[in-house]
C-alpha atoms as a PDB file:
ATOM      1  CA  MET A   1      -0.693 -58.927   0.016  1.00  0.00           C
ATOM      2  CA  LYS A   2       0.032 -56.595  -3.431  1.00  0.00           C
ATOM      3  CA  ASN A   3      -3.961 -56.628  -4.073  1.00  0.00           C
ATOM      4  CA  LYS A   4      -4.842 -55.257  -0.200  1.00  0.00           C
ATOM      5  CA  PHE A   5      -1.854 -52.915  -0.863  1.00  0.00           C
ATOM      6  CA  MET A   6      -3.096 -51.635  -4.329  1.00  0.00           C
ATOM      7  CA  ILE A   7      -6.779 -51.256  -2.620  1.00  0.00           C
ATOM      8  CA  LEU A   8      -5.786 -49.461   0.010  1.00  0.00           C
ATOM      9  CA  LEU A   9      -3.694 -47.061  -1.836  1.00  0.00           C
ATOM     10  CA  GLY A  10      -6.849 -46.460  -4.284  1.00  0.00           C
ATOM     11  CA  LEU A  11      -8.899 -45.944  -1.358  1.00  0.00           C
ATOM     12  CA  ILE A  12      -6.467 -42.891  -0.152  1.00  0.00           C
ATOM     13  CA  VAL A  13      -6.012 -41.397  -3.585  1.00  0.00           C
ATOM     14  CA  ILE A  14     -10.143 -41.174  -4.271  1.00  0.00           C
ATOM     15  CA  LEU A  15     -10.693 -39.907  -0.491  1.00  0.00           C
ATOM     16  CA  SER A  16      -7.937 -37.614  -1.586  1.00  0.00           C
ATOM     17  CA  ILE A  17      -9.580 -35.987  -4.467  1.00  0.00           C
ATOM     18  CA  SER A  18     -12.794 -35.898  -3.384  1.00  0.00           C
ATOM     19  CA  ALA A  19     -12.119 -34.205  -0.121  1.00  0.00           C
ATOM     20  CA  CYS A  20      -9.647 -31.393  -2.491  1.00  0.00           C
ATOM     21  CA  THR A  21     -12.690 -31.136  -4.828  1.00  0.00           C
ATOM     22  CA  GLN A  22     -15.592 -31.086  -2.375  1.00  0.00           C
ATOM     23  CA  ASP A  23     -17.053 -27.475  -2.162  1.00  0.00           C
ATOM     24  CA  LYS A  24     -15.896 -25.085   0.597  1.00  0.00           C
ATOM     25  CA  ASP A  25     -19.514 -24.543   1.813  1.00  0.00           C
ATOM     26  CA  THR A  26     -19.955 -28.206   2.896  1.00  0.00           C
ATOM     27  CA  VAL A  27     -16.397 -28.635   4.569  1.00  0.00           C
ATOM     28  CA  ILE A  28     -17.037 -25.560   6.678  1.00  0.00           C
ATOM     29  CA  GLY A  29     -20.545 -25.331   6.614  1.00  0.00           C
ATOM     30  CA  VAL A  30     -20.636 -21.431   5.759  1.00  0.00           C
ATOM     31  CA  ASP A  31     -22.851 -19.731   2.988  1.00  0.00           C
ATOM     32  CA  ASP A  32     -20.046 -17.968   0.829  1.00  0.00           C
ATOM     33  CA  PRO A  33     -20.767 -18.043  -2.989  1.00  0.00           C
ATOM     34  CA  SER A  34     -17.806 -16.352  -3.929  1.00  0.00           C
ATOM     35  CA  PRO A  35     -14.489 -18.204  -2.691  1.00  0.00           C
ATOM     36  CA  ALA A  36     -12.714 -16.923  -5.581  1.00  0.00           C
ATOM     37  CA  GLU A  37     -13.262 -13.298  -4.626  1.00  0.00           C
ATOM     38  CA  GLU A  38     -11.435 -13.828  -1.243  1.00  0.00           C
ATOM     39  CA  THR A  39      -8.698 -15.506  -3.268  1.00  0.00           C
ATOM     40  CA  LYS A  40      -8.240 -12.277  -5.415  1.00  0.00           C
ATOM     41  CA  THR A  41      -8.520  -9.922  -2.256  1.00  0.00           C
ATOM     42  CA  LEU A  42      -5.367 -12.029  -0.568  1.00  0.00           C
ATOM     43  CA  GLU A  43      -3.374 -11.722  -3.975  1.00  0.00           C
ATOM     44  CA  ILE A  44      -4.368  -7.978  -4.073  1.00  0.00           C
ATOM     45  CA  GLU A  45      -3.320  -7.623  -0.348  1.00  0.00           C
ATOM     46  CA  ASP A  46      -0.225  -9.253  -0.588  1.00  0.00           C
ATOM     47  CA  VAL A  47       1.154  -7.114  -3.338  1.00  0.00           C
ATOM     48  CA  GLN A  48       2.352  -4.208  -0.790  1.00  0.00           C
ATOM     49  CA  GLU A  49       5.488  -2.184  -1.311  1.00  0.00           C
ATOM     50  CA  PRO A  50       7.959  -3.828   1.016  1.00  0.00           C
ATOM     51  CA  GLU A  51       8.550  -0.065   2.886  1.00  0.00           C
ATOM     52  CA  GLU A  52       4.729  -0.039   3.226  1.00  0.00           C
ATOM     53  CA  ASP A  53       5.095  -3.733   4.995  1.00  0.00           C
ATOM     54  CA  MET A  54       7.818  -2.536   7.413  1.00  0.00           C
ATOM     55  CA  ALA A  55       6.112   0.894   8.402  1.00  0.00           C
ATOM     56  CA  LEU A  56       2.835  -1.262   9.040  1.00  0.00           C
ATOM     57  CA  GLU A  57       4.777  -4.164  11.091  1.00  0.00           C
ATOM     58  CA  LEU A  58       6.213  -0.861  13.322  1.00  0.00           C
ATOM     59  CA  GLU A  59       2.840   0.528  13.683  1.00  0.00           C
ATOM     60  CA  GLU A  60       1.423  -3.134  14.695  1.00  0.00           C
ATOM     61  CA  GLU A  61       4.244  -3.947  17.154  1.00  0.00           C
ATOM     62  CA  SER A  62       5.686  -0.821  18.639  1.00  0.00           C
ATOM     63  CA  GLU A  63       6.805  -1.410  22.249  1.00  0.00           C
ATOM     64  CA  ALA A  64       6.523   2.265  23.056  1.00  0.00           C
ATOM     65  CA  THR A  65       5.014   5.231  21.180  1.00  0.00           C
ATOM     66  CA  THR A  66       5.222   9.013  21.230  1.00  0.00           C
ATOM     67  CA  PRO A  67       1.664  10.133  20.552  1.00  0.00           C
ATOM     68  CA  SER A  68       1.300  12.780  18.028  1.00  0.00           C
ATOM     69  CA  PRO A  69       1.276  16.532  19.870  1.00  0.00           C
ATOM     70  CA  GLY A  70      -0.567  18.499  17.123  1.00  0.00           C
ATOM     71  CA  ALA A  71       1.063  21.648  17.305  1.00  0.00           C
ATOM     72  CA  ASP A  72       2.944  20.985  20.005  1.00  0.00           C
ATOM     73  CA  SER A  73       6.506  20.384  19.167  1.00  0.00           C
ATOM     74  CA  SER A  74       7.835  18.293  22.131  1.00  0.00           C
ATOM     75  CA  ILE A  75       8.384  15.462  19.778  1.00  0.00           C
ATOM     76  CA  LYS A  76      12.355  15.537  18.692  1.00  0.00           C
ATOM     77  CA  TRP A  77      14.118  13.719  16.574  1.00  0.00           C
ATOM     78  CA  PRO A  78      16.133  10.851  17.819  1.00  0.00           C
ATOM     79  CA  GLU A  79      19.788  12.024  17.545  1.00  0.00           C
ATOM     80  CA  ASP A  80      21.147  10.150  20.823  1.00  0.00           C
ATOM     81  CA  PHE A  81      19.659   6.907  19.037  1.00  0.00           C
ATOM     82  CA  MET A  82      22.391   7.074  15.745  1.00  0.00           C
ATOM     83  CA  SER A  83      24.067  10.163  15.656  1.00  0.00           C
ATOM     84  CA  SER A  84      25.353   9.476  12.223  1.00  0.00           C
ATOM     85  CA  ALA A  85      21.542   9.812  10.676  1.00  0.00           C
ATOM     86  CA  PRO A  86      21.339  13.424   9.546  1.00  0.00           C
ATOM     87  CA  LYS A  87      18.161  15.221  11.110  1.00  0.00           C
ATOM     88  CA  LEU A  88      15.364  16.000   8.855  1.00  0.00           C
ATOM     89  CA  GLN A  89      13.795  19.522   9.674  1.00  0.00           C
ATOM     90  CA  GLY A  90       9.931  19.282  10.093  1.00  0.00           C
ATOM     91  CA  GLU A  91       7.351  18.965  12.409  1.00  0.00           C
ATOM     92  CA  ILE A  92       7.512  15.404  13.628  1.00  0.00           C
ATOM     93  CA  ALA A  93       4.316  13.592  14.048  1.00  0.00           C
ATOM     94  CA  LEU A  94       5.417  10.862  15.752  1.00  0.00           C
ATOM     95  CA  VAL A  95       8.576   8.656  16.946  1.00  0.00           C
ATOM     96  CA  LYS A  96       8.053   5.172  17.910  1.00  0.00           C
ATOM     97  CA  GLU A  97      10.805   2.849  19.616  1.00  0.00           C
ATOM     98  CA  GLU A  98      10.640  -0.999  18.671  1.00  0.00           C
ATOM     99  CA  GLY A  99      13.251  -2.539  20.683  1.00  0.00           C
ATOM    100  CA  PRO A 100      16.488  -1.415  21.580  1.00  0.00           C
ATOM    101  CA  ASN A 101      17.317  -1.623  17.251  1.00  0.00           C
ATOM    102  CA  LYS A 102      14.961   0.388  15.827  1.00  0.00           C
ATOM    103  CA  ARG A 103      12.811   3.962  15.218  1.00  0.00           C
ATOM    104  CA  TYR A 104      10.079   5.134  13.533  1.00  0.00           C
ATOM    105  CA  ILE A 105       9.975   8.600  12.446  1.00  0.00           C
ATOM    106  CA  GLU A 106       6.672   9.985  10.894  1.00  0.00           C
ATOM    107  CA  LEU A 107       6.952  14.095   9.359  1.00  0.00           C
ATOM    108  CA  LYS A 108       4.081  16.064   8.387  1.00  0.00           C
ATOM    109  CA  ASP A 109       4.233  18.711   5.635  1.00  0.00           C
ATOM    110  CA  ILE A 110       7.693  17.958   4.099  1.00  0.00           C
ATOM    111  CA  ALA A 111       8.102  19.703   0.767  1.00  0.00           C
ATOM    112  CA  TYR A 112       9.622  17.423  -2.243  1.00  0.00           C
ATOM    113  CA  ASP A 113      12.880  19.624  -2.849  1.00  0.00           C
ATOM    114  CA  ASP A 114      13.455  19.131   0.894  1.00  0.00           C
ATOM    115  CA  ALA A 115      12.863  15.393   0.412  1.00  0.00           C
ATOM    116  CA  ILE A 116      15.524  15.346  -2.295  1.00  0.00           C
ATOM    117  CA  ASN A 117      17.743  17.853  -0.583  1.00  0.00           C
ATOM    118  CA  TYR A 118      17.385  15.007   2.538  1.00  0.00           C
ATOM    119  CA  VAL A 119      18.390  12.303   0.130  1.00  0.00           C
ATOM    120  CA  ASP A 120      21.663  14.046  -0.445  1.00  0.00           C
ATOM    121  CA  SER A 121      22.566  14.403   3.358  1.00  0.00           C
ATOM    122  CA  ILE A 122      21.542  10.807   3.649  1.00  0.00           C
ATOM    123  CA  LYS A 123      24.440  10.264   1.183  1.00  0.00           C
ATOM    124  CA  GLU A 124      26.691  12.659   2.259  1.00  0.00           C
ATOM    125  CA  ALA A 125      26.676  11.332   6.053  1.00  0.00           C
ATOM    126  CA  GLY A 126      27.856   7.711   4.715  1.00  0.00           C
ATOM    127  CA  PHE A 127      24.650   5.928   3.959  1.00  0.00           C
ATOM    128  CA  THR A 128      25.264   4.595   0.537  1.00  0.00           C
ATOM    129  CA  GLN A 129      26.238   1.048   0.745  1.00  0.00           C
ATOM    130  CA  ASN A 130      23.599  -1.402  -0.688  1.00  0.00           C
ATOM    131  CA  TYR A 131      21.435   1.245  -1.668  1.00  0.00           C
ATOM    132  CA  ASN A 132      18.592   1.223  -3.370  1.00  0.00           C
ATOM    133  CA  GLU A 133      16.764   4.194  -4.935  1.00  0.00           C
ATOM    134  CA  ASP A 134      13.451   5.716  -6.296  1.00  0.00           C
ATOM    135  CA  ILE A 135      12.708   9.000  -7.177  1.00  0.00           C
ATOM    136  CA  ASN A 136      10.034  10.258  -9.441  1.00  0.00           C
ATOM    137  CA  ALA A 137       7.364  13.344  -8.937  1.00  0.00           C
ATOM    138  CA  ASN A 138       5.471  11.144  -6.713  1.00  0.00           C
ATOM    139  CA  ILE A 139       7.103   9.548  -4.351  1.00  0.00           C
ATOM    140  CA  VAL A 140      10.800   9.686  -3.095  1.00  0.00           C
ATOM    141  CA  LYS A 141      12.693   6.467  -1.660  1.00  0.00           C
ATOM    142  CA  TYR A 142      15.784   5.848  -0.252  1.00  0.00           C
ATOM    143  CA  LYS A 143      17.173   2.904   1.792  1.00  0.00           C
ATOM    144  CA  ALA A 144      21.104   2.302   2.252  1.00  0.00           C
ATOM    145  CA  MET A 145      23.616   1.449   4.768  1.00  0.00           C
ATOM    146  CA  ASP A 146      26.344   2.947   6.509  1.00  0.00           C
ATOM    147  CA  SER A 147      30.233   1.255   7.107  1.00  0.00           C
ATOM    148  CA  LYS A 148      29.189   0.161   9.891  1.00  0.00           C
ATOM    149  CA  LYS A 149      26.026  -1.773   8.655  1.00  0.00           C
ATOM    150  CA  ASN A 150      23.422   0.285  10.331  1.00  0.00           C
ATOM    151  CA  LEU A 151      20.409   1.195   8.078  1.00  0.00           C
ATOM    152  CA  ILE A 152      18.253   3.979   7.087  1.00  0.00           C
ATOM    153  CA  VAL A 153      14.983   3.619   5.178  1.00  0.00           C
ATOM    154  CA  PHE A 154      13.458   6.953   4.043  1.00  0.00           C
ATOM    155  CA  ILE A 155       9.801   7.461   2.068  1.00  0.00           C
ATOM    156  CA  TRP A 156       8.530  10.419   1.334  1.00  0.00           C
ATOM    157  CA  LYS A 157       4.782  10.884  -0.327  1.00  0.00           C
ATOM    158  CA  LYS A 158       2.815  14.132  -0.392  1.00  0.00           C
ATOM    159  CA  ASP A 159       0.520  13.394   2.374  1.00  0.00           C
ATOM    160  CA  ILE A 160       3.473  11.636   4.681  1.00  0.00           C
ATOM    161  CA  THR A 161       6.887  11.284   5.266  1.00  0.00           C
ATOM    162  CA  LYS A 162       8.719   8.128   6.717  1.00  0.00           C
ATOM    163  CA  VAL A 163      12.037   7.808   8.308  1.00  0.00           C
ATOM    164  CA  GLU A 164      13.014   4.628   9.868  1.00  0.00           C
ATOM    165  CA  LEU A 165      16.787   3.991  11.722  1.00  0.00           C
ATOM    166  CA  ILE A 166      17.532   0.581  12.020  1.00  0.00           C
ATOM    167  CA  LYS A 167      21.221  -0.041  13.889  1.00  0.00           C
ATOM    168  CA  ALA A 168      23.253  -3.184  13.128  1.00  0.00           C
ATOM    169  CA  ASN A 169      23.732  -5.302  15.965  1.00  0.00           C
END
């Protein structure tokens, strides 16, 4: 009985090792001479900033979208959604609604000084709890909650400005 168990265990180990060491091409039948490059690509893709990931998710999974109007100024800041969040003055390119608790706003042509001033106005509005701030010449990021646990995420780059408003449940 013990010998049969040892033989069975040995076969399992051998099959496991051979399955793990088989070439990818023989397993799935695809000519891919560089599986290591694919792994490298996945690692690079995984290294994204969290705010960008959040924005991408909002863009991909949006339930309602207000299209970009070009010169039309009909897109308005969602003041009624989270009145405690200060309004950023500028041309609003996009407002997305993701469920009852999230809004994503994209603005065009916001100057660096205006971004810095907006961070100050966010702080003055009470968004100072659990904050995260990163400010340099190329990027302005500020993320914080207010006393009601509402969250605001502000990201400014030379070519795009994003504001995310997330209400507490």
